[in-house]
C-alpha cells in the first residue's frame, strides 16, 4: 500500500511538472480579483463570490501564500498537488480511525485520491477554493466526527463546517451539519450538541447574506434539457471515477449502478444516524456524510450543467468531489458483515479502479492542447507582441478580454513582475 501511495503521488507531481505553465488561464483572471488585482481584507476575500460559490479558505490561503512565489502558476500547481497528497494521507488516517488498522487493499485510497482525472484542478485553471481544498477539509471534517471528546469534537466540527461551507462547493456540508448535530442531541439530549447546532444554522444563514444567484453554465434555463438527460448526466458523473468517459449505454449503466450503490449507502446510514436513542457509531456518520455530500454535489452539477451536453458530465473539475463517493463505497465494502464479503469486496473495488489510473485519450489530447496554447501565448506575449495577436495565433487565455480588463491586469503583472513575468528576463 505504501509503495502504491508513493508511486502515484510521485506520478502526480511528474504530471504537474510537465504540464503546468506560468500564466493565468480563463477564470483565474476573474477570481484573482479577490486576492491580487483588487484590494480586499481577508474577510472580504473569504466571502468573495465567484460564480455560484464563495472563495472561503481557498482565497485566504492564496492571498497569504502565493505572494511568496510571486503568483507563479507553476508554483501554485505544485502547492495544489501537495494539498492532494495531504488529502490522500488524511483519507488513510480516516480509514485507520474507523477500522483500527491499515491493510493491502487500502491501496485503493491513493488510487482514488491521486487519479489523473483531476488534472484541470491541478494545473489548468487552478482555484484553491474549488475541488482540492474542499475535499481535504471534508475528509478532516469526517475525522472530527470520529473523536470521543464531545466538547472538543463539536467545536472542531462546527469550525470545519464554517470553513467548508464558504470554500467552493463544500457548501453542501453546511446543509448536513445541523441535521447531524440535531441527531446527536436527539440521541442523548446532549445540550452541547444542541448549542453547536444553533451555531451551525447561524453559519449557514450567514452564507446567504449578500449572496447573488449566479449561474456558471451560460444556459438560458436550468430545465431546458430533456428530462431523461438529467438522469443520464447524473449517472455518467458516477462512472467517471472508474475511468469511463463515454456517454453511451455502457457508461450510463455503470454510472447508474454506482449511483444506486452510493444512494443505498446514504439511505441505510442516514436511517441509522436519525434513529432515536443510542450512541451513533462513527462509521455510520462518516458513510452518511460522504454518500450524501457526493449525491448532493452531483445532483446540483447535473441541474446546472445538463443543458451544456452529456460530455460535460465527465469534466475534470468534478473529479475531486466524485472521489468522496468512491471512498464511501470502499469504507462500506470494508464494513460488510459476512467475512467473505468483507475480504473480497474491497479487492474487487480495487480492481475496478485500475482503469482510472490511465489517462484517457480525450484527457491526454486536452492536456496537450492547453499546454501548447498557454506556452505559445506566454512566449508570444513576452516577446513583445500584442495580446490580440497572441490570441489569434495560439488561442485565447480568456474568452472576453474587455470584460475582465485583461490588458490592465497584464500591465499590472508586468509592472510588479508577477505571474508570467515572475521568471521572465526583464525588458529594458
Protein backbone atom coordinates (compact mmCIF):
# COMPACT_ATOMS: atom_id res chain seq x y z
CA UNK A 1 0.00 0.00 0.00
CA UNK A 2 2.78 2.46 0.91
CA UNK A 3 4.57 1.74 -2.37
CA UNK A 4 1.39 2.42 -4.35
CA UNK A 5 0.82 5.65 -2.41
CA UNK A 6 4.36 6.89 -3.04
CA UNK A 7 4.37 5.86 -6.71
CA UNK A 8 1.03 7.50 -7.53
CA UNK A 9 1.91 10.67 -5.61
CA UNK A 10 5.23 10.91 -7.45
CA UNK A 11 3.45 10.40 -10.75
CA UNK A 12 1.04 13.22 -9.97
CA UNK A 13 3.95 15.58 -9.27
CA UNK A 14 5.60 14.46 -12.52
CA UNK A 15 2.43 15.24 -14.46
CA UNK A 16 2.23 18.65 -12.79
CA UNK A 17 5.86 19.39 -13.66
CA UNK A 18 5.34 18.52 -17.33
CA UNK A 19 2.03 20.33 -17.86
CA UNK A 20 1.90 23.41 -15.59
CA UNK A 21 2.59 26.72 -17.37
CA UNK A 22 3.29 30.00 -15.59
CA UNK A 23 0.31 32.01 -16.80
CA UNK A 24 -3.21 32.61 -15.51
CA UNK A 25 -5.94 31.00 -17.61
CA UNK A 26 -9.66 31.74 -18.04
CA UNK A 27 -11.43 32.05 -14.66
CA UNK A 28 -8.15 32.78 -12.88
CA UNK A 29 -8.27 36.27 -14.39
CA UNK A 30 -11.61 36.78 -12.63
CA UNK A 31 -11.43 35.21 -9.17
CA UNK A 32 -7.95 36.60 -8.57
CA UNK A 33 -9.63 40.00 -8.34
CA UNK A 34 -10.27 38.98 -4.74
CA UNK A 35 -6.64 38.32 -3.88
CA UNK A 36 -4.36 40.07 -6.40
CA UNK A 37 -5.90 42.61 -8.74
CA UNK A 38 -8.09 44.42 -6.20
CA UNK A 39 -7.61 45.39 -2.56
CA UNK A 40 -9.73 43.34 -0.16
CA UNK A 41 -9.49 42.42 3.50
CA UNK A 42 -9.08 38.76 4.42
CA UNK A 43 -12.76 38.64 5.44
CA UNK A 44 -13.81 40.11 2.08
CA UNK A 45 -11.61 37.56 0.32
CA UNK A 46 -13.17 34.78 2.39
CA UNK A 47 -16.66 35.88 1.34
CA UNK A 48 -15.75 36.77 -2.26
CA UNK A 49 -18.19 35.14 -4.67
CA UNK A 50 -17.09 33.70 -7.99
CA UNK A 51 -19.97 32.19 -9.91
CA UNK A 52 -22.22 30.16 -7.59
CA UNK A 53 -19.65 29.64 -4.83
CA UNK A 54 -17.50 31.71 -2.50
CA UNK A 55 -13.71 31.58 -2.21
CA UNK A 56 -13.54 30.88 1.52
CA UNK A 57 -10.33 29.38 2.88
CA UNK A 58 -9.03 28.89 -0.65
CA UNK A 59 -8.95 32.62 -1.29
CA UNK A 60 -7.38 33.38 2.08
CA UNK A 61 -4.70 30.73 1.61
CA UNK A 62 -3.90 32.07 -1.86
CA UNK A 63 -3.63 35.64 -0.55
CA UNK A 64 -1.23 34.58 2.21
CA UNK A 65 0.95 32.05 0.37
CA UNK A 66 1.09 32.88 -3.32
CA UNK A 67 2.83 36.27 -2.97
CA UNK A 68 5.78 34.27 -1.61
CA UNK A 69 6.41 32.90 -5.12
CA UNK A 70 5.06 35.97 -6.95
CA UNK A 71 1.89 34.23 -8.11
CA UNK A 72 3.90 31.88 -10.29
CA UNK A 73 1.32 29.45 -11.74
CA UNK A 74 3.76 26.54 -11.69
CA UNK A 75 4.43 27.13 -8.00
CA UNK A 76 0.67 27.28 -7.44
CA UNK A 77 0.22 23.97 -9.29
CA UNK A 78 2.78 22.25 -7.06
CA UNK A 79 1.08 23.74 -3.98
CA UNK A 80 -2.26 22.29 -5.06
CA UNK A 81 -0.70 18.90 -5.86
CA UNK A 82 0.81 18.91 -2.37
CA UNK A 83 -2.66 19.52 -0.91
CA UNK A 84 -3.93 16.49 -2.85
CA UNK A 85 -1.20 14.35 -1.27
CA UNK A 86 -2.16 15.64 2.18
CA UNK A 87 -5.79 14.77 1.39
CA UNK A 88 -4.67 11.24 0.48
CA UNK A 89 -2.89 10.92 3.81
CA UNK A 90 -5.99 12.24 5.58
CA UNK A 91 -8.11 9.59 3.84
CA UNK A 92 -5.75 6.88 5.08
CA UNK A 93 -5.91 8.30 8.59
CA UNK A 94 -9.69 8.38 8.41
CA UNK A 95 -9.68 4.72 7.40
CA UNK A 96 -7.39 3.95 10.37
CA UNK A 97 -9.68 5.86 12.75
CA UNK A 98 -12.70 3.90 11.53
CA UNK A 99 -11.22 0.40 11.29
CA UNK A 100 -8.18 0.45 13.58
CA UNK A 101 -5.59 -0.76 11.08
CA UNK A 102 -4.31 -0.47 7.52
CA UNK A 103 -4.21 -3.32 5.01
CA UNK A 104 -3.07 -4.05 1.47
CA UNK A 105 -6.44 -3.22 -0.11
CA UNK A 106 -6.01 0.32 1.23
CA UNK A 107 -4.03 0.84 -1.97
CA UNK A 108 -7.49 1.73 -3.27
CA UNK A 109 -7.27 5.02 -1.33
CA UNK A 110 -4.29 6.52 -3.22
CA UNK A 111 -5.89 5.18 -6.43
CA UNK A 112 -8.98 7.24 -5.53
CA UNK A 113 -7.11 10.33 -4.30
CA UNK A 114 -4.41 10.56 -7.00
CA UNK A 115 -6.47 9.88 -10.12
CA UNK A 116 -5.18 11.85 -13.15
CA UNK A 117 -8.82 12.68 -13.95
CA UNK A 118 -8.46 15.72 -11.65
CA UNK A 119 -5.82 17.33 -13.88
CA UNK A 120 -7.80 20.51 -14.55
CA UNK A 121 -7.84 21.42 -10.85
CA UNK A 122 -4.09 20.80 -10.53
CA UNK A 123 -2.53 22.79 -13.34
CA UNK A 124 -5.01 24.10 -15.88
CA UNK A 125 -7.34 26.58 -14.14
CA UNK A 126 -6.20 26.41 -10.55
CA UNK A 127 -8.58 27.65 -7.88
CA UNK A 128 -7.71 26.59 -4.34
CA UNK A 129 -11.35 27.05 -3.38
CA UNK A 130 -12.70 24.65 -6.00
CA UNK A 131 -12.08 20.93 -5.66
CA UNK A 132 -8.82 20.17 -3.94
CA UNK A 133 -9.09 22.14 -0.69
CA UNK A 134 -12.80 21.41 -0.07
CA UNK A 135 -12.11 17.67 -0.38
CA UNK A 136 -9.29 17.86 2.18
CA UNK A 137 -11.50 19.84 4.56
CA UNK A 138 -14.39 17.39 4.16
CA UNK A 139 -12.12 14.43 4.97
CA UNK A 140 -10.85 16.28 8.06
CA UNK A 141 -14.47 17.01 8.96
CA UNK A 142 -15.17 13.27 8.84
CA UNK A 143 -12.11 12.63 11.02
CA UNK A 144 -13.51 15.09 13.57
CA UNK A 145 -16.70 13.03 13.81
CA UNK A 146 -14.59 10.04 14.98
CA UNK A 147 -13.36 11.90 18.10
CA UNK A 148 -14.68 10.82 21.51
CA UNK A 149 -14.41 14.09 23.44
CA UNK A 150 -17.75 15.73 22.67
CA UNK A 151 -16.84 19.23 23.75
CA UNK A 152 -13.74 19.39 21.52
CA UNK A 153 -15.37 17.37 18.76
CA UNK A 154 -18.40 19.58 18.27
CA UNK A 155 -16.34 22.77 18.36
CA UNK A 156 -13.99 21.42 15.69
CA UNK A 157 -16.88 20.10 13.59
CA UNK A 158 -18.62 23.48 13.52
CA UNK A 159 -15.35 25.31 12.77
CA UNK A 160 -14.61 22.98 9.85
CA UNK A 161 -18.25 23.25 8.77
CA UNK A 162 -17.88 27.03 8.60
CA UNK A 163 -14.69 26.81 6.51
CA UNK A 164 -16.12 24.15 4.18
CA UNK A 165 -19.43 25.99 3.79
CA UNK A 166 -17.66 29.03 2.34
CA UNK A 167 -14.97 27.19 0.35
CA UNK A 168 -16.10 26.32 -3.17
CA UNK A 169 -18.74 23.64 -3.47
CA UNK A 170 -18.20 22.48 0.08
CA UNK A 171 -21.43 24.42 0.69
CA UNK A 172 -23.48 21.22 0.88
CA UNK A 173 -21.76 20.19 4.11
CA UNK A 174 -23.43 23.26 5.62
CA UNK A 175 -26.80 21.63 4.93
CA UNK A 176 -25.79 18.36 6.62
CA UNK A 177 -24.15 19.64 9.81
CA UNK A 178 -27.28 20.98 11.57
CA UNK A 179 -29.09 17.69 10.85
CA UNK A 180 -26.19 15.63 12.18
CA UNK A 181 -25.95 17.72 15.36
CA UNK A 182 -29.71 17.53 15.83
CA UNK A 183 -29.44 13.73 15.56
CA UNK A 184 -26.70 13.75 18.21
CA UNK A 185 -28.89 15.86 20.51
CA UNK A 186 -31.88 13.60 19.88
CA UNK A 187 -29.81 10.53 20.75
CA UNK A 188 -28.76 11.56 24.26
CA UNK A 189 -30.25 15.03 24.92
CA UNK A 190 -26.75 16.49 24.82
CA UNK A 191 -27.13 20.27 25.33
CA UNK A 192 -23.65 20.83 23.89
CA UNK A 193 -24.75 19.33 20.58
CA UNK A 194 -27.90 21.48 20.64
CA UNK A 195 -25.86 24.64 21.22
CA UNK A 196 -23.48 23.90 18.38
CA UNK A 197 -26.43 23.02 16.14
CA UNK A 198 -27.74 26.56 16.61
CA UNK A 199 -24.29 27.93 15.73
CA UNK A 200 -24.14 25.78 12.57
CA UNK A 201 -27.56 27.10 11.48
CA UNK A 202 -26.29 30.66 12.01
CA UNK A 203 -23.23 29.83 9.88
CA UNK A 204 -25.49 28.59 7.10
CA UNK A 205 -27.62 31.73 7.28
CA UNK A 206 -24.52 33.94 7.13
CA UNK A 207 -23.55 32.36 3.81
CA UNK A 208 -26.60 33.85 2.14
CA UNK A 209 -26.02 37.39 3.40
CA UNK A 210 -25.22 39.36 0.26
CA UNK A 211 -25.26 36.20 -1.88
CA UNK A 212 -26.02 36.67 -5.59
CA UNK A 213 -27.63 33.95 -7.69
CA UNK A 214 -25.04 33.47 -10.44
CA UNK A 215 -25.20 30.61 -12.92
CA UNK A 216 -21.89 29.38 -14.33
CA UNK A 217 -23.36 27.34 -17.18
CA UNK A 218 -24.43 30.13 -19.50
CA UNK A 219 -27.68 28.25 -20.26
CA UNK A 220 -30.91 30.20 -20.61
CA UNK A 221 -32.71 27.79 -18.28
CA UNK A 222 -31.71 25.00 -15.91
CA UNK A 223 -34.63 22.94 -17.23
CA UNK A 224 -34.01 23.25 -20.96
CA UNK A 225 -32.70 19.69 -21.47
CA UNK A 226 -34.95 16.62 -21.96
CA UNK A 227 -35.83 15.07 -18.56
CA UNK A 228 -34.10 11.75 -19.30
CA UNK A 229 -30.82 13.59 -19.94
CA UNK A 230 -30.68 14.70 -16.31
CA UNK A 231 -30.66 11.10 -15.14
CA UNK A 232 -28.08 10.17 -17.78
CA UNK A 233 -25.85 13.11 -16.82
CA UNK A 234 -26.01 12.19 -13.13
CA UNK A 235 -25.24 8.54 -13.86
CA UNK A 236 -22.30 9.47 -16.08
CA UNK A 237 -20.78 11.55 -13.27
CA UNK A 238 -20.60 8.42 -11.12
CA UNK A 239 -18.93 6.48 -13.97
CA UNK A 240 -16.06 8.97 -14.28
CA UNK A 241 -14.07 7.78 -11.20
CA UNK A 242 -13.81 4.34 -12.78
CA UNK A 243 -12.08 5.62 -15.91
CA UNK A 244 -15.17 5.72 -18.14
CA UNK A 245 -15.61 8.78 -20.38
CA UNK A 246 -18.25 7.70 -22.88
CA UNK A 247 -21.87 8.88 -22.96
CA UNK A 248 -23.40 5.67 -24.32
CA UNK A 249 -25.35 2.83 -22.76
CA UNK A 250 -22.43 1.07 -21.02
CA UNK A 251 -21.12 4.20 -19.27
CA UNK A 252 -24.64 5.19 -18.25
CA UNK A 253 -25.35 1.70 -16.91
CA UNK A 254 -22.12 1.52 -14.90
CA UNK A 255 -22.67 5.01 -13.53
CA UNK A 256 -26.27 4.17 -12.68
CA UNK A 257 -25.15 1.10 -10.73
CA UNK A 258 -22.56 3.15 -8.80
CA UNK A 259 -25.15 5.87 -8.15
CA UNK A 260 -27.62 3.28 -6.84
CA UNK A 261 -24.93 1.81 -4.56
CA UNK A 262 -23.98 5.23 -3.14
CA UNK A 263 -27.65 6.13 -2.71
CA UNK A 264 -28.18 2.83 -0.87
CA UNK A 265 -25.28 3.66 1.45
CA UNK A 266 -26.86 7.06 2.09
CA UNK A 267 -30.30 5.64 2.89
CA UNK A 268 -29.04 2.90 5.21
CA UNK A 269 -26.62 5.11 7.13
CA UNK A 270 -28.85 8.17 7.42
CA UNK A 271 -31.52 5.87 8.79
CA UNK A 272 -29.03 4.76 11.45
CA UNK A 273 -27.96 8.34 12.16
CA UNK A 274 -31.51 9.65 12.53
CA UNK A 275 -32.96 6.82 14.59
CA UNK A 276 -33.86 7.69 18.17
CA UNK A 277 -31.71 6.77 21.17
CA UNK A 278 -28.27 5.21 21.47
CA UNK A 279 -24.78 6.25 20.50
CA UNK A 280 -24.08 6.83 16.79
CA UNK A 281 -21.12 4.74 15.55
CA UNK A 282 -18.58 6.91 13.75
CA UNK A 283 -18.71 4.68 10.66
CA UNK A 284 -22.42 5.40 10.15
CA UNK A 285 -21.78 9.12 10.49
CA UNK A 286 -18.88 9.12 8.04
CA UNK A 287 -20.70 7.00 5.46
CA UNK A 288 -23.77 9.22 5.76
CA UNK A 289 -21.64 12.34 5.20
CA UNK A 290 -19.58 11.05 2.25
CA UNK A 291 -22.51 9.50 0.38
CA UNK A 292 -24.96 12.36 0.94
CA UNK A 293 -22.43 15.05 0.09
CA UNK A 294 -21.39 13.37 -3.18
CA UNK A 295 -25.01 12.90 -4.24
CA UNK A 296 -25.92 16.49 -3.38
CA UNK A 297 -22.95 17.88 -5.29
CA UNK A 298 -23.51 15.71 -8.35
CA UNK A 299 -27.25 16.46 -8.35
CA UNK A 300 -26.52 20.20 -8.25
CA UNK A 301 -23.97 19.88 -11.07
CA UNK A 302 -26.50 17.85 -13.05
CA UNK A 303 -29.14 20.53 -12.63
CA UNK A 304 -26.76 23.29 -13.67
CA UNK A 305 -24.82 21.59 -16.46
CA UNK A 306 -27.02 19.06 -18.29
CA UNK A 307 -28.07 21.83 -20.67
CA UNK A 308 -24.44 22.07 -21.86
CA UNK A 309 -24.39 18.47 -23.11
CA UNK A 310 -23.77 14.99 -21.71
CA UNK A 311 -19.96 15.02 -22.27
CA UNK A 312 -19.77 17.74 -19.61
CA UNK A 313 -20.62 15.07 -17.01
CA UNK A 314 -17.02 13.87 -17.28
CA UNK A 315 -15.43 17.30 -16.85
CA UNK A 316 -12.19 17.14 -14.89
CA UNK A 317 -13.07 19.77 -12.31
CA UNK A 318 -15.73 17.48 -10.81
CA UNK A 319 -13.31 14.60 -10.26
CA UNK A 320 -12.18 15.73 -6.80
CA UNK A 321 -15.70 15.76 -5.41
CA UNK A 322 -16.53 12.40 -7.01
CA UNK A 323 -13.66 10.83 -5.06
CA UNK A 324 -15.78 11.07 -1.91
CA UNK A 325 -18.47 8.82 -3.39
CA UNK A 326 -15.90 6.13 -4.19
CA UNK A 327 -14.37 6.49 -0.72
CA UNK A 328 -17.81 5.78 0.76
CA UNK A 329 -18.04 2.64 -1.41
CA UNK A 330 -14.66 1.46 -0.15
CA UNK A 331 -15.47 2.03 3.53
CA UNK A 332 -18.81 0.31 3.07
CA UNK A 333 -17.09 -2.69 1.45
CA UNK A 334 -14.79 -2.95 4.47
CA UNK A 335 -17.78 -2.92 6.82
CA UNK A 336 -19.80 -5.77 5.30
CA UNK A 337 -20.68 -8.29 8.00
CA UNK A 338 -20.25 -11.62 6.15
CA UNK A 339 -16.47 -12.26 6.46
CA UNK A 340 -16.15 -13.47 2.86
CA UNK A 341 -17.72 -10.26 1.52
CA UNK A 342 -15.61 -8.14 3.85
CA UNK A 343 -12.45 -9.74 2.41
CA UNK A 344 -13.44 -9.87 -1.26
CA UNK A 345 -15.40 -6.67 -1.89
CA UNK A 346 -12.51 -4.23 -1.15
CA UNK A 347 -10.29 -6.23 -3.51
CA UNK A 348 -12.96 -6.16 -6.22
CA UNK A 349 -13.31 -2.38 -5.87
CA UNK A 350 -9.53 -2.00 -6.08
CA UNK A 351 -9.50 -3.96 -9.36
CA UNK A 352 -12.39 -1.88 -10.74
CA UNK A 353 -10.38 1.29 -10.04
CA UNK A 354 -7.41 0.20 -12.17
CA UNK A 355 -8.76 1.84 -15.38
CA UNK A 356 -8.87 5.19 -13.54
CA UNK A 357 -5.07 5.13 -13.28
CA UNK A 358 -4.70 5.57 -17.03
CA UNK A 359 -5.01 8.93 -18.76
CA UNK A 360 -7.78 8.69 -21.32
CA UNK A 361 -7.11 9.72 -24.91
CA UNK A 362 -9.52 12.67 -24.61
CA UNK A 363 -7.84 13.91 -21.43
CA UNK A 364 -4.39 13.49 -22.98
CA UNK A 365 -5.45 15.50 -26.04
CA UNK A 366 -6.94 18.28 -23.90
CA UNK A 367 -3.90 18.40 -21.63
CA UNK A 368 -1.52 18.66 -24.61
CA UNK A 369 -3.64 21.27 -26.42
CA UNK A 370 -3.95 23.52 -23.38
CA UNK A 371 -0.23 23.19 -22.59
CA UNK A 372 0.61 24.28 -26.14
CA UNK A 373 -1.91 27.13 -26.04
CA UNK A 374 -0.60 28.56 -22.77
CA UNK A 375 3.06 28.03 -23.62
CA UNK A 376 2.62 29.59 -27.05
CA UNK A 377 0.62 32.55 -25.71
CA UNK A 378 3.15 33.23 -22.97
CA UNK A 379 6.10 33.10 -25.36
CA UNK A 380 4.28 35.34 -27.82
CA UNK A 381 3.37 37.99 -25.26
CA UNK A 382 6.77 38.02 -23.57
CA UNK A 383 8.32 38.65 -26.99
CA UNK A 384 6.52 41.99 -27.04
CA UNK A 385 3.57 41.24 -29.30
CA UNK A 386 0.02 42.47 -28.51
CA UNK A 387 -2.40 40.22 -26.66
CA UNK A 388 -4.80 40.14 -29.62
CA UNK A 389 -2.05 38.75 -31.88
CA UNK A 390 -1.23 36.08 -29.30
CA UNK A 391 -4.93 35.16 -29.07
CA UNK A 392 -5.19 34.81 -32.85
CA UNK A 393 -2.02 32.77 -33.10
CA UNK A 394 -2.43 30.42 -30.14
CA UNK A 395 -5.99 30.66 -28.83
CA UNK A 396 -7.37 32.88 -26.09
CA UNK A 397 -6.26 32.77 -22.46
CA UNK A 398 -9.56 34.49 -21.61
CA UNK A 399 -12.69 34.47 -23.82
CA UNK A 400 -13.82 38.08 -23.17
CA UNK A 401 -10.72 40.25 -22.55
CA UNK A 402 -12.62 43.51 -22.17
CA UNK A 403 -14.95 42.10 -19.52
CA UNK A 404 -12.11 41.20 -17.15
CA UNK A 405 -9.88 44.16 -18.13
CA UNK A 406 -7.21 41.72 -19.28
CA UNK A 407 -4.80 44.31 -20.67
CA UNK A 408 -4.85 46.34 -17.45
CA UNK A 409 -4.13 43.18 -15.47
CA UNK A 410 -1.28 42.18 -17.79
CA UNK A 411 0.23 45.63 -17.39
CA UNK A 412 -0.04 45.32 -13.60
CA UNK A 413 1.64 41.92 -13.61
CA UNK A 414 4.45 43.28 -15.80
CA UNK A 415 4.99 46.29 -13.53
CA UNK A 416 5.09 44.14 -10.40
CA UNK A 417 6.89 41.19 -12.06
CA UNK A 418 4.34 38.61 -11.04
CA UNK A 419 2.83 35.51 -12.67
CA UNK A 420 4.06 35.13 -16.28
CA UNK A 421 6.64 37.88 -15.70
CA UNK A 422 7.98 36.44 -12.44
CA UNK A 423 10.52 34.18 -14.16
CA UNK A 424 10.95 36.11 -17.40
CA UNK A 425 14.03 38.25 -18.15
CA UNK A 426 13.41 41.95 -17.61
CA UNK A 427 12.93 44.03 -20.78
CA UNK A 428 14.54 47.43 -20.96
